[in-house]
Amino acid sequence: MGLSIEQALLNATHSLRESEVSEARQDAALLLMHILKCDRTFLITHAKDFLSQKALKTFFDFVKRRAAGEPLQYITGHQAFFMLDFEVTKDVLIPRPETELLVEVALNLLSPSEPASLICDVGTGSGCIAISLLHERKEAKAIGIDVSPAALLIASNNAQRHAVFDRFQLLACDCFAALKPGLAFSMIVSNPPYVTETALLELQREVLDYEPHLALAAGPDGLSIIRRLLREASDYLVDGGYFLFEIGFDQHDAVRTLVDNRVWEVLDFHKDLQGIHRIVSLQKR
C-alpha cells in the first residue's frame, strides 16, 4: 500500500529539514498542491487519502530537487507577481515581491488619461514588470528588451497567458542597442543586475546555483549596468518622461551620486516594506 497525503507530507518535510530548507513544511505542501492541483484545504480535509504511485513518485522527485536547493518556483514553473501568475524557468530571474513596488510607482506616474503611453522594459526576463503594467493600462504598449533569447521566449509565453501579446514587442539586444533612432518612450523601467561580484558568491544556494548570473551580477560594485542606463536612457525618453529602476539594499547613496542633475530630476528613492530604498524614480528634464 502507498502513502497517505499526511504521511507523504511528513516524510517530505523531514527530508527537506535535513537538507536545511527553511520552510520545509510549507514547501512540501506547495509541491503536493501543485501535483494534485488542489488547495491547502484539500490537503487538510483529505489527509488520510492515499496517493497514487504516479503522484508519489512525482512528489518525491520534486522533494529531492528542492532538497538539493532548486527553488520551488523552478520546480513548479510558476511564480505569482502583482496578482498574476507567471511562467518561470532557469532562464529567467524569479520575480520578487519587492519588485512589485516598481510596478506600483510606475502606475502612479502613468496616467490612465494618456492612452498612448509607450513603455520600455530593459532586461525584461519573464516580462513580469511590463506585462503587469500592460494588464493595468489597457491602452498602453511596451517593448521588452533582453540579451537572452531564452528569456524572451518565457516573456512571450507570459504575454500570451495574460492577453497582452499584441501590445508587447520583444527584442533581443544589449540595453538599447537594437532600438530604432528617434524612438521615444513615455517611461523606461528596469530591474537591472545590481549584485556585486563578491556578494554574488555569498548568496544563498537557491540563487547562486540556479538563477541566471547574467540577471544578477553587475561588476565589482554592482553598478555597471545602472551606470550605463543612466547615461543612455534619456536619449530614448520624451521630455518629461520617466525612468524607474530597482537598486540593491545598500546602493542608495552610490546611485544618488551617479545621477546627473542636468539630465534628471530625482522624484524619489522609494522604500519597500522593510524600509529599504528599493526603487529610484527619475524624470527627464
Protein backbone atom coordinates (compact mmCIF):
# COMPACT_ATOMS: atom_id res chain seq x y z
CA MET A 1 0.00 0.00 0.00
CA GLY A 2 1.15 3.55 -0.72
CA LEU A 3 1.30 6.60 1.49
CA SER A 4 -1.47 8.92 2.57
CA ILE A 5 -1.27 12.66 1.96
CA GLU A 6 -0.47 13.13 5.65
CA GLN A 7 2.32 10.55 5.66
CA ALA A 8 3.82 11.81 2.41
CA LEU A 9 3.93 15.36 3.76
CA LEU A 10 5.58 14.21 6.99
CA ASN A 11 8.26 12.27 5.11
CA ALA A 12 8.89 15.14 2.70
CA THR A 13 9.08 17.70 5.49
CA HIS A 14 11.65 15.57 7.31
CA SER A 15 13.78 15.25 4.16
CA LEU A 16 13.67 18.97 3.47
CA ARG A 17 14.55 19.87 7.07
CA GLU A 18 17.54 17.53 6.93
CA SER A 19 18.66 19.46 3.85
CA GLU A 20 18.25 22.77 5.72
CA VAL A 21 15.33 24.05 3.67
CA SER A 22 14.00 26.87 5.83
CA GLU A 23 10.28 26.49 5.05
CA ALA A 24 10.25 22.71 4.84
CA ARG A 25 6.61 22.06 5.74
CA GLN A 26 5.34 24.88 3.56
CA ASP A 27 7.40 23.86 0.55
CA ALA A 28 6.34 20.24 0.86
CA ALA A 29 2.70 21.29 0.93
CA LEU A 30 3.11 23.63 -2.04
CA LEU A 31 4.76 20.92 -4.10
CA LEU A 32 1.98 18.45 -3.38
CA MET A 33 -0.68 21.08 -4.06
CA HIS A 34 0.92 21.69 -7.44
CA ILE A 35 0.92 17.98 -8.31
CA LEU A 36 -2.64 17.37 -7.15
CA LYS A 37 -3.87 20.73 -8.50
CA CYS A 38 -5.58 21.43 -5.19
CA ASP A 39 -5.51 23.99 -2.38
CA ARG A 40 -4.29 23.68 1.19
CA THR A 41 -7.80 22.97 2.48
CA PHE A 42 -7.93 19.85 0.33
CA LEU A 43 -4.68 18.57 1.87
CA ILE A 44 -6.14 19.01 5.34
CA THR A 45 -9.58 17.56 4.67
CA HIS A 46 -8.20 14.62 2.66
CA ALA A 47 -5.14 13.95 4.83
CA LYS A 48 -5.97 10.21 5.12
CA ASP A 49 -6.45 9.74 1.37
CA PHE A 50 -3.81 7.59 -0.30
CA LEU A 51 -1.77 8.98 -3.17
CA SER A 52 -1.37 7.14 -6.45
CA GLN A 53 2.05 5.67 -7.21
CA LYS A 54 2.45 8.18 -10.03
CA ALA A 55 1.69 11.12 -7.75
CA LEU A 56 4.03 9.76 -5.06
CA LYS A 57 6.91 9.32 -7.49
CA THR A 58 6.47 12.81 -8.91
CA PHE A 59 6.17 14.28 -5.43
CA PHE A 60 9.36 12.73 -4.08
CA ASP A 61 11.22 13.56 -7.28
CA PHE A 62 10.23 17.19 -6.67
CA VAL A 63 11.19 16.95 -2.99
CA LYS A 64 14.61 15.62 -3.97
CA ARG A 65 15.14 18.59 -6.31
CA ARG A 66 14.03 21.04 -3.61
CA ALA A 67 16.31 19.37 -1.05
CA ALA A 68 19.22 19.88 -3.45
CA GLY A 69 18.50 23.62 -3.39
CA GLU A 70 16.47 24.11 -6.56
CA PRO A 71 13.96 26.93 -5.98
CA LEU A 72 10.34 25.92 -5.59
CA GLN A 73 9.36 28.24 -8.44
CA TYR A 74 11.59 26.46 -10.96
CA ILE A 75 10.19 23.09 -9.91
CA THR A 76 6.56 24.15 -10.29
CA GLY A 77 7.30 26.53 -13.17
CA HIS A 78 5.21 29.31 -11.66
CA GLN A 79 5.51 32.46 -9.55
CA ALA A 80 2.84 34.96 -8.53
CA PHE A 81 3.62 38.63 -9.17
CA PHE A 82 1.30 41.62 -8.87
CA MET A 83 -1.73 39.31 -8.62
CA LEU A 84 -0.82 37.50 -11.85
CA ASP A 85 0.67 34.05 -12.41
CA PHE A 86 3.93 33.96 -14.38
CA GLU A 87 5.74 31.08 -16.00
CA VAL A 88 9.35 30.90 -14.81
CA THR A 89 12.29 28.69 -15.76
CA LYS A 90 16.02 28.73 -15.03
CA ASP A 91 16.37 31.14 -17.96
CA VAL A 92 14.76 34.00 -16.00
CA LEU A 93 15.11 35.59 -12.61
CA ILE A 94 12.32 34.64 -10.20
CA PRO A 95 10.08 37.71 -9.72
CA ARG A 96 10.40 39.11 -6.19
CA PRO A 97 7.73 40.83 -4.08
CA GLU A 98 9.92 43.94 -3.69
CA THR A 99 9.85 44.46 -7.46
CA GLU A 100 6.08 44.92 -7.22
CA LEU A 101 6.89 48.33 -5.74
CA LEU A 102 8.37 49.32 -9.10
CA VAL A 103 5.04 48.48 -10.78
CA GLU A 104 3.11 50.45 -8.15
CA VAL A 105 5.30 53.53 -8.61
CA ALA A 106 5.04 53.24 -12.39
CA LEU A 107 1.26 53.02 -12.31
CA ASN A 108 1.08 56.15 -10.17
CA LEU A 109 3.10 58.01 -12.82
CA LEU A 110 1.36 56.54 -15.87
CA SER A 111 -1.85 58.49 -16.13
CA PRO A 112 -4.85 56.42 -17.31
CA SER A 113 -5.88 59.51 -19.33
CA GLU A 114 -2.81 59.11 -21.58
CA PRO A 115 -3.66 56.05 -23.69
CA ALA A 116 -0.63 56.46 -25.97
CA SER A 117 1.91 55.55 -23.27
CA LEU A 118 4.86 53.60 -24.66
CA ILE A 119 6.95 51.72 -22.10
CA CYS A 120 10.37 50.12 -22.40
CA ASP A 121 11.34 47.31 -20.02
CA VAL A 122 15.11 46.82 -20.05
CA GLY A 123 16.13 43.32 -19.00
CA THR A 124 12.55 42.11 -19.16
CA GLY A 125 13.28 38.49 -18.15
CA SER A 126 9.91 36.82 -17.50
CA GLY A 127 8.20 40.03 -18.61
CA CYS A 128 6.58 40.42 -15.20
CA ILE A 129 7.06 44.20 -14.93
CA ALA A 130 5.91 45.20 -18.41
CA ILE A 131 3.08 42.66 -18.52
CA SER A 132 1.77 43.81 -15.14
CA LEU A 133 1.79 47.41 -16.39
CA LEU A 134 0.03 46.49 -19.63
CA HIS A 135 -2.52 44.47 -17.69
CA GLU A 136 -3.42 47.58 -15.67
CA ARG A 137 -3.13 50.13 -18.51
CA LYS A 138 -5.21 48.63 -21.30
CA GLU A 139 -4.24 51.18 -23.95
CA ALA A 140 -0.50 51.27 -23.29
CA LYS A 141 2.12 49.45 -25.35
CA ALA A 142 5.55 48.18 -24.37
CA ILE A 143 8.84 46.90 -25.72
CA GLY A 144 10.71 44.31 -23.68
CA ILE A 145 14.48 44.05 -24.13
CA ASP A 146 16.71 41.22 -23.00
CA VAL A 147 20.06 39.79 -24.12
CA SER A 148 18.73 36.25 -23.61
CA PRO A 149 16.57 34.76 -26.39
CA ALA A 150 15.53 32.02 -23.95
CA ALA A 151 14.24 34.64 -21.51
CA LEU A 152 12.33 36.38 -24.30
CA LEU A 153 10.56 33.11 -25.08
CA ILE A 154 9.32 32.94 -21.49
CA ALA A 155 8.23 36.61 -21.67
CA SER A 156 6.36 35.83 -24.89
CA ASN A 157 4.55 32.93 -23.23
CA ASN A 158 3.58 35.13 -20.30
CA ALA A 159 2.36 37.91 -22.59
CA GLN A 160 0.08 35.43 -24.33
CA ARG A 161 -1.05 33.99 -20.99
CA HIS A 162 -2.21 37.44 -19.86
CA ALA A 163 -3.60 38.60 -23.21
CA VAL A 164 -1.18 41.49 -23.81
CA PHE A 165 0.86 39.87 -26.59
CA ASP A 166 -0.47 42.25 -29.25
CA ARG A 167 0.80 45.22 -27.23
CA PHE A 168 4.17 43.79 -26.19
CA GLN A 169 7.09 43.70 -28.62
CA LEU A 170 10.20 41.75 -27.65
CA LEU A 171 13.76 42.47 -28.77
CA ALA A 172 16.96 40.52 -28.18
CA CYS A 173 19.69 43.09 -27.60
CA ASP A 174 22.06 44.60 -25.05
CA CYS A 175 20.26 47.52 -23.41
CA PHE A 176 19.12 49.95 -26.13
CA ALA A 177 21.43 48.75 -28.92
CA ALA A 178 18.71 47.46 -31.27
CA LEU A 179 16.21 50.29 -30.87
CA LYS A 180 15.36 52.41 -33.88
CA PRO A 181 16.69 56.00 -33.87
CA GLY A 182 14.07 58.51 -32.83
CA LEU A 183 12.03 56.05 -30.78
CA ALA A 184 10.84 57.86 -27.64
CA PHE A 185 9.20 56.25 -24.63
CA SER A 186 6.89 57.69 -22.02
CA MET A 187 8.60 55.52 -19.43
CA ILE A 188 11.60 53.21 -19.13
CA VAL A 189 11.57 50.61 -16.36
CA SER A 190 14.22 48.13 -15.33
CA ASN A 191 15.13 45.62 -12.68
CA PRO A 192 18.78 45.51 -13.74
CA PRO A 193 21.57 43.29 -12.43
CA TYR A 194 22.99 45.02 -9.33
CA VAL A 195 24.76 42.36 -7.25
CA THR A 196 28.49 42.83 -6.69
CA GLU A 197 30.90 40.09 -7.70
CA THR A 198 31.77 39.50 -4.04
CA ALA A 199 28.16 39.43 -2.85
CA LEU A 200 27.21 37.01 -5.63
CA LEU A 201 29.36 34.29 -4.07
CA GLU A 202 27.66 34.85 -0.72
CA LEU A 203 24.09 34.43 -1.97
CA GLN A 204 22.01 31.52 -0.73
CA ARG A 205 22.37 28.34 -2.77
CA GLU A 206 18.92 28.68 -4.35
CA VAL A 207 20.07 31.88 -6.02
CA LEU A 208 23.76 31.19 -6.61
CA ASP A 209 23.36 27.70 -8.05
CA TYR A 210 20.15 28.11 -10.03
CA GLU A 211 19.22 31.66 -11.02
CA PRO A 212 20.89 33.22 -14.10
CA HIS A 213 24.01 35.13 -13.06
CA LEU A 214 23.59 37.37 -16.09
CA ALA A 215 20.47 38.80 -14.45
CA LEU A 216 22.18 39.23 -11.08
CA ALA A 217 25.81 40.37 -11.23
CA ALA A 218 26.99 43.77 -12.48
CA GLY A 219 30.69 44.21 -11.93
CA PRO A 220 32.82 44.80 -8.83
CA ASP A 221 30.45 47.38 -7.30
CA GLY A 222 27.19 46.08 -8.80
CA LEU A 223 26.56 49.35 -10.64
CA SER A 224 27.94 48.78 -14.14
CA ILE A 225 24.52 48.33 -15.78
CA ILE A 226 22.91 51.12 -13.77
CA ARG A 227 25.68 53.50 -14.87
CA ARG A 228 25.04 52.62 -18.49
CA LEU A 229 21.29 53.03 -18.16
CA LEU A 230 21.69 56.42 -16.51
CA ARG A 231 23.89 57.53 -19.43
CA GLU A 232 21.71 56.18 -22.21
CA ALA A 233 18.08 56.16 -21.05
CA SER A 234 17.41 59.87 -21.55
CA ASP A 235 18.10 59.51 -25.29
CA TYR A 236 15.07 57.24 -25.57
CA LEU A 237 12.62 59.23 -23.44
CA VAL A 238 10.25 62.03 -24.34
CA ASP A 239 10.86 65.27 -22.46
CA GLY A 240 9.30 64.78 -19.05
CA GLY A 241 9.44 61.00 -19.46
CA TYR A 242 10.18 58.72 -16.52
CA PHE A 243 12.99 56.30 -15.74
CA LEU A 244 12.36 53.84 -12.90
CA PHE A 245 14.74 51.14 -11.74
CA GLU A 246 15.44 48.84 -8.82
CA ILE A 247 18.60 49.01 -6.73
CA GLY A 248 20.31 46.91 -4.07
CA PHE A 249 19.67 47.36 -0.36
CA ASP A 250 22.93 49.29 0.21
CA GLN A 251 23.21 51.25 -3.06
CA HIS A 252 21.12 54.32 -2.28
CA ASP A 253 24.00 56.72 -1.64
CA ALA A 254 26.15 55.44 -4.51
CA VAL A 255 23.31 55.67 -7.02
CA ARG A 256 22.42 59.18 -5.92
CA THR A 257 25.94 60.35 -6.78
CA LEU A 258 25.63 58.80 -10.25
CA VAL A 259 22.52 60.77 -11.20
CA ASP A 260 23.33 63.72 -13.46
CA ASN A 261 21.07 66.50 -12.20
CA ARG A 262 21.41 68.33 -15.52
CA VAL A 263 19.60 65.43 -17.18
CA TRP A 264 17.38 64.01 -14.45
CA GLU A 265 15.10 65.34 -11.77
CA VAL A 266 15.10 62.94 -8.83
CA LEU A 267 11.49 62.26 -7.89
CA ASP A 268 12.17 59.81 -5.07
CA PHE A 269 14.08 56.86 -3.70
CA HIS A 270 11.11 54.70 -2.73
CA LYS A 271 11.35 52.43 0.30
CA ASP A 272 10.00 48.90 0.39
CA LEU A 273 8.04 47.40 3.29
CA GLN A 274 11.28 46.80 5.18
CA GLY A 275 12.22 50.47 4.95
CA ILE A 276 14.96 49.83 2.37
CA HIS A 277 15.47 52.23 -0.53
CA ARG A 278 14.50 49.93 -3.38
CA ILE A 279 13.12 51.88 -6.36
CA VAL A 280 14.57 55.03 -7.96
CA SER A 281 12.20 57.28 -9.91
CA LEU A 282 13.66 59.94 -12.20
CA GLN A 283 12.13 62.35 -14.67
CA LYS A 284 13.87 63.63 -17.76
CA ARG A 285 14.33 67.40 -17.61
